[in-house]
Amino acid sequence: MSTQTGQVEADTTVTAFDTLTPRIIQFQGKRSCIRLEDVYWNILEDAAREKKLKFNELVHSYYHDPRGERNKTAFLRCQAVEWLSGQVEAAHEQLHLKNSELHSILKVTVQPAFVFSKMQSVSRHNQGFHDWIKEHIGARAGAMDQSKLRVSFRRSYTALMDLLDENNGSILNEQVTILMPGYVFPIRINLVKLDSSNDQDQLFLGIINPGE
């Protein structure tokens, strides 16, 4: 950013990658202080939960370095990225298997509807949803990239799942926001949890309420 005197001001915006959080981790029985960005710690914690391991057990399952020569911080970052990449690939495979089923669901749904995953990205939508978006943004809807559509909730994801479980997998009139580059659409939808054999790739059907 330039000032009136022509000087350039430093960008002081803090991101998730600017702060390092230290943790004491055991590598092959030896304790080490590792400093990592929170985003990597969070991914590794998700990996441990998915594998039903304690955090140090997860590290032990990954790490094998008899001479102790590996950079432990870089190693953990690589493991986090590798696990996350595997999750994305598995989600794509699971979604591919469900394509025909999802297509049928959307085809018979008259109201604007869309399918989205636990990651809250829209993976499928029907013509009614496309038309609904077009009403809001006009001609640009023709080039709509559904991979960039995101859904955010008024409730936390955990609270939402608890509410769905309490109501046999469906919620009426839930407040959500559809996000896409340059546009924000606050709406209310009827939300249905679709059957899934993999909780890590849970799919949901959102049906926009009439009049929204």
N, C-alpha and C. Protein backbone atom coordinates (compact mmCIF):
# COMPACT_ATOMS: atom_id res chain seq x y z
N MET A 1 0.85 -1.19 0.00
CA MET A 1 0.00 0.00 0.00
C MET A 1 0.89 1.24 0.00
N SER A 2 0.57 2.23 -0.85
CA SER A 2 1.37 3.44 -0.95
C SER A 2 0.76 4.55 -0.12
N THR A 3 1.59 5.36 0.50
CA THR A 3 1.13 6.51 1.26
C THR A 3 1.23 7.74 0.39
N GLN A 4 0.76 8.90 0.91
CA GLN A 4 0.81 10.13 0.14
C GLN A 4 2.24 10.57 -0.13
N THR A 5 3.17 10.13 0.70
CA THR A 5 4.57 10.53 0.51
C THR A 5 5.31 9.58 -0.42
N GLY A 6 4.58 8.58 -0.93
CA GLY A 6 5.21 7.66 -1.87
C GLY A 6 5.83 6.45 -1.20
N GLN A 7 5.81 6.39 0.14
CA GLN A 7 6.38 5.26 0.84
C GLN A 7 5.41 4.08 0.78
N VAL A 8 5.95 2.89 0.83
CA VAL A 8 5.15 1.68 0.79
C VAL A 8 4.99 1.13 2.19
N GLU A 9 3.73 0.96 2.62
CA GLU A 9 3.47 0.42 3.94
C GLU A 9 3.46 -1.10 3.88
N ALA A 10 3.96 -1.72 4.92
CA ALA A 10 3.96 -3.18 4.99
C ALA A 10 2.55 -3.70 5.25
N ASP A 11 2.24 -4.83 4.64
CA ASP A 11 0.95 -5.47 4.86
C ASP A 11 1.01 -6.20 6.20
N THR A 12 0.19 -5.75 7.15
CA THR A 12 0.23 -6.32 8.50
C THR A 12 -0.87 -7.35 8.72
N THR A 13 -1.54 -7.78 7.65
CA THR A 13 -2.60 -8.77 7.78
C THR A 13 -2.03 -10.09 8.30
N VAL A 14 -2.65 -10.62 9.35
CA VAL A 14 -2.20 -11.88 9.93
C VAL A 14 -3.03 -13.02 9.36
N THR A 15 -2.37 -14.04 8.84
CA THR A 15 -3.07 -15.19 8.28
C THR A 15 -2.80 -16.42 9.14
N ALA A 16 -3.45 -17.52 8.77
CA ALA A 16 -3.29 -18.77 9.52
C ALA A 16 -1.87 -19.32 9.42
N PHE A 17 -1.09 -18.80 8.48
CA PHE A 17 0.27 -19.31 8.29
C PHE A 17 1.33 -18.40 8.92
N ASP A 18 0.89 -17.36 9.61
CA ASP A 18 1.85 -16.41 10.18
C ASP A 18 2.25 -16.74 11.62
N THR A 19 1.45 -17.56 12.30
CA THR A 19 1.71 -17.85 13.70
C THR A 19 2.09 -19.31 13.88
N LEU A 20 3.20 -19.55 14.56
CA LEU A 20 3.66 -20.91 14.84
C LEU A 20 3.30 -21.28 16.28
N THR A 21 2.68 -22.43 16.46
CA THR A 21 2.30 -22.90 17.78
C THR A 21 3.21 -24.05 18.19
N PRO A 22 3.88 -23.95 19.35
CA PRO A 22 4.79 -25.02 19.77
C PRO A 22 4.05 -26.16 20.47
N ARG A 23 4.51 -27.37 20.25
CA ARG A 23 3.99 -28.54 20.96
C ARG A 23 5.14 -29.50 21.23
N ILE A 24 5.02 -30.22 22.34
CA ILE A 24 6.01 -31.25 22.67
C ILE A 24 5.51 -32.57 22.08
N ILE A 25 6.29 -33.13 21.16
CA ILE A 25 5.92 -34.36 20.46
C ILE A 25 7.00 -35.41 20.69
N GLN A 26 6.58 -36.65 20.83
CA GLN A 26 7.53 -37.75 20.98
C GLN A 26 7.84 -38.36 19.62
N PHE A 27 9.13 -38.39 19.29
CA PHE A 27 9.60 -39.06 18.09
C PHE A 27 10.49 -40.22 18.52
N GLN A 28 10.01 -41.44 18.28
CA GLN A 28 10.77 -42.63 18.63
C GLN A 28 11.23 -42.60 20.09
N GLY A 29 10.31 -42.17 20.97
CA GLY A 29 10.59 -42.16 22.40
C GLY A 29 11.28 -40.92 22.90
N LYS A 30 11.70 -40.03 22.01
CA LYS A 30 12.40 -38.81 22.42
C LYS A 30 11.48 -37.60 22.23
N ARG A 31 11.44 -36.74 23.24
CA ARG A 31 10.57 -35.57 23.20
C ARG A 31 11.24 -34.42 22.45
N SER A 32 10.48 -33.80 21.55
CA SER A 32 10.99 -32.66 20.79
C SER A 32 9.93 -31.56 20.78
N CYS A 33 10.39 -30.33 20.82
CA CYS A 33 9.49 -29.18 20.72
C CYS A 33 9.38 -28.80 19.24
N ILE A 34 8.17 -28.93 18.70
CA ILE A 34 7.93 -28.65 17.29
C ILE A 34 7.03 -27.43 17.17
N ARG A 35 7.39 -26.51 16.30
CA ARG A 35 6.58 -25.32 16.06
C ARG A 35 5.97 -25.42 14.66
N LEU A 36 4.63 -25.44 14.63
CA LEU A 36 3.91 -25.56 13.37
C LEU A 36 2.75 -24.57 13.33
N GLU A 37 2.34 -24.22 12.12
CA GLU A 37 1.14 -23.41 11.96
C GLU A 37 -0.08 -24.22 12.42
N ASP A 38 -1.07 -23.54 12.97
CA ASP A 38 -2.25 -24.23 13.50
C ASP A 38 -2.96 -25.06 12.44
N VAL A 39 -2.93 -24.60 11.19
CA VAL A 39 -3.63 -25.33 10.14
C VAL A 39 -3.06 -26.75 10.01
N TYR A 40 -1.74 -26.90 10.20
CA TYR A 40 -1.14 -28.23 10.11
C TYR A 40 -1.47 -29.07 11.34
N TRP A 41 -1.44 -28.44 12.52
CA TRP A 41 -1.83 -29.17 13.73
C TRP A 41 -3.26 -29.67 13.60
N ASN A 42 -4.15 -28.84 13.08
CA ASN A 42 -5.56 -29.23 12.94
C ASN A 42 -5.72 -30.41 11.99
N ILE A 43 -4.99 -30.39 10.88
CA ILE A 43 -5.08 -31.49 9.92
C ILE A 43 -4.58 -32.79 10.56
N LEU A 44 -3.47 -32.70 11.27
CA LEU A 44 -2.91 -33.90 11.91
C LEU A 44 -3.84 -34.43 13.00
N GLU A 45 -4.50 -33.54 13.71
CA GLU A 45 -5.47 -33.98 14.73
C GLU A 45 -6.65 -34.69 14.06
N ASP A 46 -7.09 -34.17 12.91
CA ASP A 46 -8.16 -34.85 12.16
C ASP A 46 -7.71 -36.24 11.72
N ALA A 47 -6.45 -36.34 11.30
CA ALA A 47 -5.92 -37.64 10.88
C ALA A 47 -5.91 -38.62 12.05
N ALA A 48 -5.52 -38.13 13.22
CA ALA A 48 -5.48 -38.99 14.41
C ALA A 48 -6.88 -39.47 14.77
N ARG A 49 -7.86 -38.56 14.71
CA ARG A 49 -9.25 -38.95 15.02
C ARG A 49 -9.76 -39.97 14.02
N GLU A 50 -9.44 -39.74 12.74
CA GLU A 50 -9.92 -40.65 11.70
C GLU A 50 -9.33 -42.05 11.88
N LYS A 51 -8.08 -42.11 12.34
CA LYS A 51 -7.41 -43.39 12.55
C LYS A 51 -7.62 -43.94 13.97
N LYS A 52 -8.35 -43.15 14.81
CA LYS A 52 -8.63 -43.53 16.19
C LYS A 52 -7.34 -43.78 16.97
N LEU A 53 -6.42 -42.83 16.82
CA LEU A 53 -5.13 -42.89 17.50
C LEU A 53 -4.92 -41.64 18.34
N LYS A 54 -4.13 -41.77 19.40
CA LYS A 54 -3.67 -40.58 20.10
C LYS A 54 -2.65 -39.87 19.21
N PHE A 55 -2.43 -38.58 19.48
CA PHE A 55 -1.59 -37.80 18.58
C PHE A 55 -0.18 -38.40 18.47
N ASN A 56 0.43 -38.72 19.61
CA ASN A 56 1.78 -39.28 19.57
C ASN A 56 1.81 -40.65 18.90
N GLU A 57 0.71 -41.40 19.02
CA GLU A 57 0.62 -42.69 18.33
C GLU A 57 0.60 -42.49 16.82
N LEU A 58 -0.10 -41.43 16.39
CA LEU A 58 -0.12 -41.12 14.96
C LEU A 58 1.28 -40.79 14.46
N VAL A 59 1.98 -39.94 15.20
CA VAL A 59 3.35 -39.56 14.81
C VAL A 59 4.24 -40.80 14.76
N HIS A 60 4.10 -41.66 15.75
CA HIS A 60 4.92 -42.89 15.79
C HIS A 60 4.64 -43.77 14.58
N SER A 61 3.36 -43.82 14.15
CA SER A 61 3.01 -44.65 13.00
C SER A 61 3.60 -44.11 11.70
N TYR A 62 3.84 -42.80 11.65
CA TYR A 62 4.40 -42.17 10.45
C TYR A 62 5.93 -42.18 10.44
N TYR A 63 6.51 -41.93 11.61
CA TYR A 63 7.92 -41.53 11.66
C TYR A 63 8.84 -42.72 11.90
N HIS A 64 9.82 -42.87 11.03
CA HIS A 64 10.85 -43.90 11.21
C HIS A 64 12.18 -43.32 10.71
N ASP A 65 13.03 -43.00 11.64
CA ASP A 65 14.30 -42.35 11.29
C ASP A 65 15.36 -42.77 12.31
N PRO A 66 15.96 -43.95 12.13
CA PRO A 66 16.92 -44.48 13.11
C PRO A 66 18.05 -43.52 13.45
N ARG A 67 18.50 -42.73 12.48
CA ARG A 67 19.63 -41.83 12.72
C ARG A 67 19.19 -40.46 13.23
N GLY A 68 17.90 -40.19 13.22
CA GLY A 68 17.42 -38.90 13.71
C GLY A 68 17.85 -37.73 12.85
N GLU A 69 17.97 -37.96 11.54
CA GLU A 69 18.49 -36.93 10.65
C GLU A 69 17.39 -36.14 9.93
N ARG A 70 16.15 -36.59 10.01
CA ARG A 70 15.09 -35.93 9.26
C ARG A 70 14.64 -34.65 9.95
N ASN A 71 14.25 -33.68 9.15
CA ASN A 71 13.68 -32.44 9.69
C ASN A 71 12.26 -32.75 10.15
N LYS A 72 12.05 -32.76 11.45
CA LYS A 72 10.77 -33.21 12.00
C LYS A 72 9.62 -32.26 11.65
N THR A 73 9.90 -30.97 11.62
CA THR A 73 8.86 -30.00 11.29
C THR A 73 8.40 -30.17 9.85
N ALA A 74 9.36 -30.27 8.93
CA ALA A 74 9.02 -30.48 7.52
C ALA A 74 8.30 -31.81 7.34
N PHE A 75 8.74 -32.82 8.09
CA PHE A 75 8.12 -34.14 8.00
C PHE A 75 6.64 -34.08 8.36
N LEU A 76 6.31 -33.39 9.46
CA LEU A 76 4.91 -33.31 9.89
C LEU A 76 4.07 -32.51 8.89
N ARG A 77 4.65 -31.46 8.33
CA ARG A 77 3.91 -30.71 7.31
C ARG A 77 3.59 -31.61 6.11
N CYS A 78 4.57 -32.38 5.68
CA CYS A 78 4.37 -33.27 4.53
C CYS A 78 3.31 -34.32 4.84
N GLN A 79 3.33 -34.87 6.06
CA GLN A 79 2.35 -35.87 6.43
C GLN A 79 0.94 -35.28 6.46
N ALA A 80 0.83 -34.04 6.93
CA ALA A 80 -0.47 -33.37 6.96
C ALA A 80 -1.02 -33.20 5.55
N VAL A 81 -0.18 -32.72 4.65
CA VAL A 81 -0.61 -32.50 3.26
C VAL A 81 -0.95 -33.84 2.60
N GLU A 82 -0.14 -34.85 2.85
CA GLU A 82 -0.38 -36.17 2.25
C GLU A 82 -1.72 -36.75 2.72
N TRP A 83 -2.00 -36.63 4.03
CA TRP A 83 -3.26 -37.17 4.54
C TRP A 83 -4.45 -36.40 3.97
N LEU A 84 -4.33 -35.08 3.91
CA LEU A 84 -5.42 -34.27 3.38
C LEU A 84 -5.66 -34.58 1.91
N SER A 85 -4.59 -34.78 1.14
CA SER A 85 -4.74 -35.14 -0.27
C SER A 85 -5.47 -36.47 -0.42
N GLY A 86 -5.15 -37.41 0.46
CA GLY A 86 -5.82 -38.70 0.43
C GLY A 86 -7.30 -38.58 0.73
N GLN A 87 -7.65 -37.68 1.66
CA GLN A 87 -9.06 -37.47 1.99
C GLN A 87 -9.82 -36.88 0.81
N VAL A 88 -9.19 -35.93 0.12
CA VAL A 88 -9.84 -35.32 -1.04
C VAL A 88 -10.04 -36.35 -2.14
N GLU A 89 -9.02 -37.17 -2.38
CA GLU A 89 -9.13 -38.20 -3.42
C GLU A 89 -10.22 -39.21 -3.08
N ALA A 90 -10.28 -39.62 -1.81
CA ALA A 90 -11.30 -40.57 -1.38
C ALA A 90 -12.70 -39.97 -1.53
N ALA A 91 -12.82 -38.69 -1.21
CA ALA A 91 -14.12 -38.02 -1.33
C ALA A 91 -14.57 -37.98 -2.79
N HIS A 92 -13.63 -37.71 -3.69
CA HIS A 92 -13.97 -37.67 -5.11
C HIS A 92 -14.42 -39.05 -5.60
N GLU A 93 -13.73 -40.11 -5.15
CA GLU A 93 -14.11 -41.46 -5.56
C GLU A 93 -15.49 -41.81 -5.03
N GLN A 94 -15.74 -41.46 -3.77
CA GLN A 94 -17.03 -41.74 -3.16
C GLN A 94 -18.14 -41.00 -3.89
N LEU A 95 -17.87 -39.76 -4.24
CA LEU A 95 -18.86 -38.94 -4.92
C LEU A 95 -19.14 -39.49 -6.31
N HIS A 96 -18.09 -40.00 -6.97
CA HIS A 96 -18.26 -40.56 -8.31
C HIS A 96 -19.22 -41.76 -8.26
N LEU A 97 -19.09 -42.57 -7.20
CA LEU A 97 -19.96 -43.73 -7.07
C LEU A 97 -21.41 -43.33 -6.84
N LYS A 98 -21.62 -42.14 -6.29
CA LYS A 98 -22.96 -41.70 -5.96
C LYS A 98 -23.60 -40.85 -7.06
N ASN A 99 -22.88 -40.65 -8.16
CA ASN A 99 -23.37 -39.71 -9.17
C ASN A 99 -24.78 -40.04 -9.65
N SER A 100 -25.03 -41.31 -10.00
CA SER A 100 -26.34 -41.67 -10.54
C SER A 100 -27.43 -41.48 -9.50
N GLU A 101 -27.12 -41.83 -8.25
CA GLU A 101 -28.10 -41.68 -7.17
C GLU A 101 -28.41 -40.20 -6.93
N LEU A 102 -27.37 -39.38 -6.89
CA LEU A 102 -27.57 -37.95 -6.65
C LEU A 102 -28.33 -37.31 -7.81
N HIS A 103 -28.02 -37.74 -9.02
CA HIS A 103 -28.71 -37.20 -10.19
C HIS A 103 -30.21 -37.48 -10.10
N SER A 104 -30.55 -38.69 -9.67
CA SER A 104 -31.96 -39.05 -9.55
C SER A 104 -32.67 -38.21 -8.49
N ILE A 105 -31.98 -38.01 -7.36
CA ILE A 105 -32.57 -37.21 -6.29
C ILE A 105 -32.85 -35.79 -6.76
N LEU A 106 -31.87 -35.20 -7.42
CA LEU A 106 -32.02 -33.81 -7.87
C LEU A 106 -33.07 -33.70 -8.98
N LYS A 107 -33.13 -34.71 -9.82
CA LYS A 107 -34.06 -34.66 -10.96
C LYS A 107 -35.51 -34.64 -10.49
N VAL A 108 -35.81 -35.35 -9.41
CA VAL A 108 -37.20 -35.43 -8.95
C VAL A 108 -37.54 -34.32 -7.95
N THR A 109 -36.54 -33.52 -7.57
CA THR A 109 -36.78 -32.42 -6.63
C THR A 109 -37.18 -31.18 -7.42
N VAL A 110 -38.42 -30.74 -7.24
CA VAL A 110 -38.94 -29.62 -8.03
C VAL A 110 -38.34 -28.30 -7.57
N GLN A 111 -38.23 -28.11 -6.26
CA GLN A 111 -37.69 -26.85 -5.74
C GLN A 111 -36.19 -26.77 -5.99
N PRO A 112 -35.63 -25.56 -5.99
CA PRO A 112 -34.17 -25.43 -6.14
C PRO A 112 -33.46 -26.26 -5.07
N ALA A 113 -32.54 -27.12 -5.50
CA ALA A 113 -31.88 -28.02 -4.57
C ALA A 113 -30.42 -28.21 -4.96
N PHE A 114 -29.61 -28.52 -3.96
CA PHE A 114 -28.18 -28.74 -4.21
C PHE A 114 -27.66 -29.76 -3.21
N VAL A 115 -26.64 -30.49 -3.63
CA VAL A 115 -25.98 -31.47 -2.77
C VAL A 115 -24.63 -30.90 -2.38
N PHE A 116 -24.28 -31.03 -1.12
CA PHE A 116 -22.98 -30.55 -0.67
C PHE A 116 -22.41 -31.53 0.35
N SER A 117 -21.11 -31.44 0.55
CA SER A 117 -20.41 -32.40 1.40
C SER A 117 -20.14 -31.80 2.77
N LYS A 118 -19.53 -32.61 3.62
CA LYS A 118 -19.14 -32.17 4.95
C LYS A 118 -18.23 -30.95 4.88
N MET A 119 -17.46 -30.85 3.79
CA MET A 119 -16.57 -29.70 3.61
C MET A 119 -17.35 -28.46 3.17
N GLN A 120 -18.68 -28.60 3.00
CA GLN A 120 -19.59 -27.50 2.68
C GLN A 120 -19.36 -26.91 1.29
N SER A 121 -18.82 -27.71 0.38
CA SER A 121 -18.71 -27.29 -1.02
C SER A 121 -19.83 -27.94 -1.82
N VAL A 122 -20.44 -27.18 -2.72
CA VAL A 122 -21.55 -27.70 -3.52
C VAL A 122 -21.00 -28.60 -4.62
N SER A 123 -21.48 -29.84 -4.68
CA SER A 123 -20.98 -30.79 -5.67
C SER A 123 -21.98 -31.03 -6.80
N ARG A 124 -23.26 -30.84 -6.52
CA ARG A 124 -24.31 -31.06 -7.52
C ARG A 124 -25.44 -30.07 -7.27
N HIS A 125 -26.19 -29.75 -8.30
CA HIS A 125 -27.40 -28.95 -8.11
C HIS A 125 -28.34 -29.22 -9.26
N ASN A 126 -29.62 -28.93 -9.06
CA ASN A 126 -30.59 -29.16 -10.13
C ASN A 126 -30.82 -27.88 -10.93
N GLN A 127 -31.66 -27.99 -11.95
CA GLN A 127 -31.92 -26.84 -12.82
C GLN A 127 -32.59 -25.72 -12.04
N GLY A 128 -33.44 -26.10 -11.08
CA GLY A 128 -34.11 -25.09 -10.28
C GLY A 128 -33.13 -24.23 -9.49
N PHE A 129 -32.08 -24.86 -8.99
CA PHE A 129 -31.06 -24.11 -8.25
C PHE A 129 -30.30 -23.18 -9.20
N HIS A 130 -29.99 -23.70 -10.38
CA HIS A 130 -29.30 -22.87 -11.38
C HIS A 130 -30.14 -21.65 -11.73
N ASP A 131 -31.44 -21.86 -11.91
CA ASP A 131 -32.33 -20.75 -12.25
C ASP A 131 -32.43 -19.76 -11.09
N TRP A 132 -32.41 -20.29 -9.86
CA TRP A 132 -32.48 -19.42 -8.69
C TRP A 132 -31.24 -18.52 -8.61
N ILE A 133 -30.08 -19.11 -8.86
CA ILE A 133 -28.84 -18.33 -8.88
C ILE A 133 -28.90 -17.28 -9.99
N LYS A 134 -29.42 -17.68 -11.15
CA LYS A 134 -29.49 -16.77 -12.29
C LYS A 134 -30.34 -15.55 -11.98
N GLU A 135 -31.38 -15.73 -11.18
CA GLU A 135 -32.22 -14.60 -10.79
C GLU A 135 -31.41 -13.56 -10.02
N HIS A 136 -30.38 -14.03 -9.31
CA HIS A 136 -29.60 -13.13 -8.47
C HIS A 136 -28.42 -12.50 -9.21
N ILE A 137 -27.80 -13.25 -10.12
CA ILE A 137 -26.58 -12.71 -10.73
C ILE A 137 -26.67 -12.61 -12.24
N GLY A 138 -27.82 -12.97 -12.83
CA GLY A 138 -28.02 -12.76 -14.25
C GLY A 138 -27.20 -13.67 -15.13
N ALA A 139 -26.68 -13.11 -16.22
CA ALA A 139 -26.03 -13.91 -17.26
C ALA A 139 -24.81 -14.67 -16.76
N ARG A 140 -24.17 -14.17 -15.71
CA ARG A 140 -22.96 -14.83 -15.22
C ARG A 140 -23.25 -16.23 -14.70
N ALA A 141 -24.52 -16.53 -14.42
CA ALA A 141 -24.86 -17.86 -13.93
C ALA A 141 -24.57 -18.93 -14.96
N GLY A 142 -24.56 -18.54 -16.25
CA GLY A 142 -24.29 -19.51 -17.30
C GLY A 142 -22.90 -20.12 -17.19
N ALA A 143 -21.98 -19.37 -16.61
CA ALA A 143 -20.61 -19.86 -16.45
C ALA A 143 -20.32 -20.20 -14.99
N MET A 144 -21.37 -20.49 -14.23
CA MET A 144 -21.21 -20.75 -12.81
C MET A 144 -20.34 -21.97 -12.56
N ASP A 145 -19.34 -21.82 -11.75
CA ASP A 145 -18.45 -22.92 -11.38
C ASP A 145 -18.91 -23.47 -10.04
N GLN A 146 -19.60 -24.62 -10.07
CA GLN A 146 -20.17 -25.14 -8.84
C GLN A 146 -19.11 -25.52 -7.82
N SER A 147 -17.88 -25.78 -8.28
CA SER A 147 -16.82 -26.13 -7.34
C SER A 147 -16.44 -24.96 -6.44
N LYS A 148 -16.84 -23.74 -6.84
CA LYS A 148 -16.52 -22.56 -6.04
C LYS A 148 -17.66 -22.13 -5.14
N LEU A 149 -18.80 -22.84 -5.23
CA LEU A 149 -19.92 -22.52 -4.36
C LEU A 149 -19.68 -23.10 -2.97
N ARG A 150 -19.92 -22.31 -1.95
CA ARG A 150 -19.74 -22.76 -0.58
C ARG A 150 -21.01 -22.48 0.22
N VAL A 151 -21.20 -23.27 1.26
CA VAL A 151 -22.37 -23.12 2.12
C VAL A 151 -21.89 -22.89 3.55
N SER A 152 -22.36 -21.85 4.18
CA SER A 152 -22.02 -21.63 5.59
C SER A 152 -23.31 -21.63 6.41
N PHE A 153 -23.20 -22.05 7.66
CA PHE A 153 -24.37 -22.22 8.51
C PHE A 153 -24.35 -21.24 9.67
N ARG A 154 -25.53 -20.94 10.15
CA ARG A 154 -25.65 -20.13 11.36
C ARG A 154 -25.13 -20.92 12.56
N ARG A 155 -25.33 -22.24 12.53
CA ARG A 155 -24.88 -23.11 13.62
C ARG A 155 -23.50 -23.68 13.29
N SER A 156 -22.82 -24.16 14.32
CA SER A 156 -21.57 -24.87 14.07
C SER A 156 -21.90 -26.22 13.43
N TYR A 157 -20.92 -26.80 12.76
CA TYR A 157 -21.16 -28.09 12.10
C TYR A 157 -21.57 -29.15 13.12
N THR A 158 -20.92 -29.17 14.28
CA THR A 158 -21.25 -30.16 15.31
C THR A 158 -22.68 -29.99 15.80
N ALA A 159 -23.07 -28.74 16.04
CA ALA A 159 -24.44 -28.47 16.51
C ALA A 159 -25.45 -28.87 15.44
N LEU A 160 -25.10 -28.64 14.19
CA LEU A 160 -25.99 -28.99 13.09
C LEU A 160 -26.18 -30.50 13.01
N MET A 161 -25.09 -31.25 13.14
CA MET A 161 -25.18 -32.71 13.10
C MET A 161 -26.00 -33.24 14.27
N ASP A 162 -25.82 -32.66 15.44
CA ASP A 162 -26.60 -33.09 16.60
C ASP A 162 -28.09 -32.85 16.36
N LEU A 163 -28.40 -31.70 15.77
CA LEU A 163 -29.80 -31.37 15.50
C LEU A 163 -30.39 -32.31 14.45
N LEU A 164 -29.59 -32.65 13.44
CA LEU A 164 -30.05 -33.60 12.43
C LEU A 164 -30.33 -34.97 13.05
N ASP A 165 -29.44 -35.40 13.92
CA ASP A 165 -29.63 -36.70 14.57
C ASP A 165 -30.89 -36.71 15.44
N GLU A 166 -31.16 -35.57 16.08
CA GLU A 166 -32.35 -35.47 16.94
C GLU A 166 -33.64 -35.46 16.12
N ASN A 167 -33.52 -35.07 14.84
CA ASN A 167 -34.71 -34.92 14.00
C ASN A 167 -34.72 -35.91 12.83
N ASN A 168 -34.17 -37.09 13.08
CA ASN A 168 -34.19 -38.18 12.09
C ASN A 168 -33.60 -37.78 10.74
N GLY A 169 -32.55 -36.97 10.78
CA GLY A 169 -31.80 -36.67 9.56
C GLY A 169 -32.32 -35.54 8.72
N SER A 170 -33.26 -34.75 9.22
CA SER A 170 -33.76 -33.62 8.43
C SER A 170 -34.08 -32.43 9.34
N ILE A 171 -33.90 -31.23 8.79
CA ILE A 171 -34.20 -29.99 9.51
C ILE A 171 -34.97 -29.08 8.57
N LEU A 172 -36.00 -28.43 9.09
CA LEU A 172 -36.77 -27.49 8.29
C LEU A 172 -36.35 -26.06 8.58
N ASN A 173 -36.29 -25.26 7.53
CA ASN A 173 -36.10 -23.82 7.65
C ASN A 173 -34.78 -23.44 8.34
N GLU A 174 -33.71 -24.12 7.98
CA GLU A 174 -32.39 -23.80 8.53
C GLU A 174 -31.79 -22.61 7.78
N GLN A 175 -31.23 -21.68 8.52
CA GLN A 175 -30.62 -20.49 7.91
C GLN A 175 -29.21 -20.81 7.44
N VAL A 176 -28.95 -20.57 6.15
CA VAL A 176 -27.63 -20.79 5.58
C VAL A 176 -27.26 -19.63 4.68
N THR A 177 -26.02 -19.62 4.26
CA THR A 177 -25.55 -18.62 3.31
C THR A 177 -24.83 -19.33 2.17
N ILE A 178 -25.21 -19.01 0.95
CA ILE A 178 -24.52 -19.53 -0.23
C ILE A 178 -23.46 -18.50 -0.62
N LEU A 179 -22.23 -18.95 -0.76
CA LEU A 179 -21.13 -18.05 -1.08
C LEU A 179 -20.53 -18.42 -2.43
N MET A 180 -20.27 -17.42 -3.23
CA MET A 180 -19.48 -17.60 -4.45
C MET A 180 -18.76 -16.29 -4.70
N PRO A 181 -17.69 -16.31 -5.49
CA PRO A 181 -16.89 -15.10 -5.66
C PRO A 181 -17.73 -13.88 -6.03
N GLY A 182 -17.74 -12.90 -5.16
CA GLY A 182 -18.45 -11.66 -5.42
C GLY A 182 -19.90 -11.64 -5.01
N TYR A 183 -20.43 -12.78 -4.52
CA TYR A 183 -21.85 -12.84 -4.20
C TYR A 183 -22.08 -13.60 -2.89
N VAL A 184 -23.08 -13.13 -2.14
CA VAL A 184 -23.49 -13.77 -0.90
C VAL A 184 -25.01 -13.85 -0.89
N PHE A 185 -25.56 -15.06 -0.67
CA PHE A 185 -27.00 -15.25 -0.69
C PHE A 185 -27.48 -15.84 0.63
N PRO A 186 -27.99 -15.04 1.56
CA PRO A 186 -28.57 -15.60 2.78
C PRO A 186 -29.96 -16.17 2.47
N ILE A 187 -30.18 -17.42 2.81
CA ILE A 187 -31.46 -18.07 2.51
C ILE A 187 -31.83 -19.01 3.65
N ARG A 188 -33.02 -19.59 3.52
CA ARG A 188 -33.44 -20.65 4.44
C ARG A 188 -33.74 -21.90 3.61
N ILE A 189 -33.26 -23.03 4.11
CA ILE A 189 -33.44 -24.28 3.36
C ILE A 189 -33.97 -25.38 4.27
N ASN A 190 -34.54 -26.38 3.63
CA ASN A 190 -34.82 -27.64 4.32
C ASN A 190 -33.61 -28.53 4.07
N LEU A 191 -33.06 -29.07 5.13
CA LEU A 191 -31.79 -29.80 5.05
C LEU A 191 -32.01 -31.28 5.34
N VAL A 192 -31.46 -32.13 4.48
CA VAL A 192 -31.61 -33.58 4.63
C VAL A 192 -30.22 -34.22 4.58
N LYS A 193 -29.93 -35.07 5.55
CA LYS A 193 -28.67 -35.82 5.54
C LYS A 193 -28.87 -37.08 4.71
N LEU A 194 -28.05 -37.24 3.67
CA LEU A 194 -28.17 -38.39 2.79
C LEU A 194 -27.42 -39.58 3.38
N ASP A 195 -27.90 -40.78 3.05
CA ASP A 195 -27.23 -41.98 3.53
C ASP A 195 -25.79 -42.02 3.01
N SER A 196 -24.87 -42.36 3.90
CA SER A 196 -23.46 -42.45 3.50
C SER A 196 -22.78 -43.50 4.36
N SER A 197 -21.97 -44.31 3.72
CA SER A 197 -21.22 -45.33 4.46
C SER A 197 -19.96 -44.76 5.07
N ASN A 198 -19.67 -43.51 4.76
CA ASN A 198 -18.42 -42.90 5.22
C ASN A 198 -18.73 -41.54 5.82
N ASP A 199 -18.65 -41.43 7.15
CA ASP A 199 -18.96 -40.17 7.82
C ASP A 199 -18.02 -39.05 7.40
N GLN A 200 -16.80 -39.42 6.93
CA GLN A 200 -15.85 -38.40 6.51
C GLN A 200 -16.29 -37.74 5.20
N ASP A 201 -17.20 -38.40 4.48
CA ASP A 201 -17.68 -37.87 3.21
C ASP A 201 -19.20 -37.73 3.25
N GLN A 202 -19.72 -37.31 4.40
CA GLN A 202 -21.17 -37.18 4.56
C GLN A 202 -21.72 -36.17 3.55
N LEU A 203 -22.81 -36.54 2.90
CA LEU A 203 -23.44 -35.67 1.91
C LEU A 203 -24.78 -35.17 2.44
N PHE A 204 -25.15 -33.96 2.01
CA PHE A 204 -26.38 -33.33 2.46
C PHE A 204 -27.13 -32.77 1.26
N LEU A 205 -28.44 -32.75 1.38
CA LEU A 205 -29.29 -32.16 0.35
C LEU A 205 -29.94 -30.92 0.93
N GLY A 206 -29.73 -29.79 0.27
CA GLY A 206 -30.36 -28.54 0.68
C GLY A 206 -31.44 -28.16 -0.31
N ILE A 207 -32.66 -27.96 0.17
CA ILE A 207 -33.78 -27.58 -0.70
C ILE A 207 -34.24 -26.18 -0.29
N ILE A 208 -34.13 -25.24 -1.21
CA ILE A 208 -34.48 -23.86 -0.90
C ILE A 208 -35.98 -23.73 -0.69
N ASN A 209 -36.36 -23.07 0.39
CA ASN A 209 -37.77 -22.90 0.70
C ASN A 209 -38.46 -22.00 -0.32
N PRO A 210 -39.73 -22.27 -0.62
CA PRO A 210 -40.47 -21.42 -1.56
C PRO A 210 -40.46 -19.97 -1.10
N GLY A 211 -40.32 -19.07 -2.05
CA GLY A 211 -40.35 -17.65 -1.73
C GLY A 211 -39.00 -17.06 -1.38
N GLU A 212 -37.98 -17.91 -1.25
CA GLU A 212 -36.65 -17.39 -0.91
C GLU A 212 -36.00 -16.79 -2.16
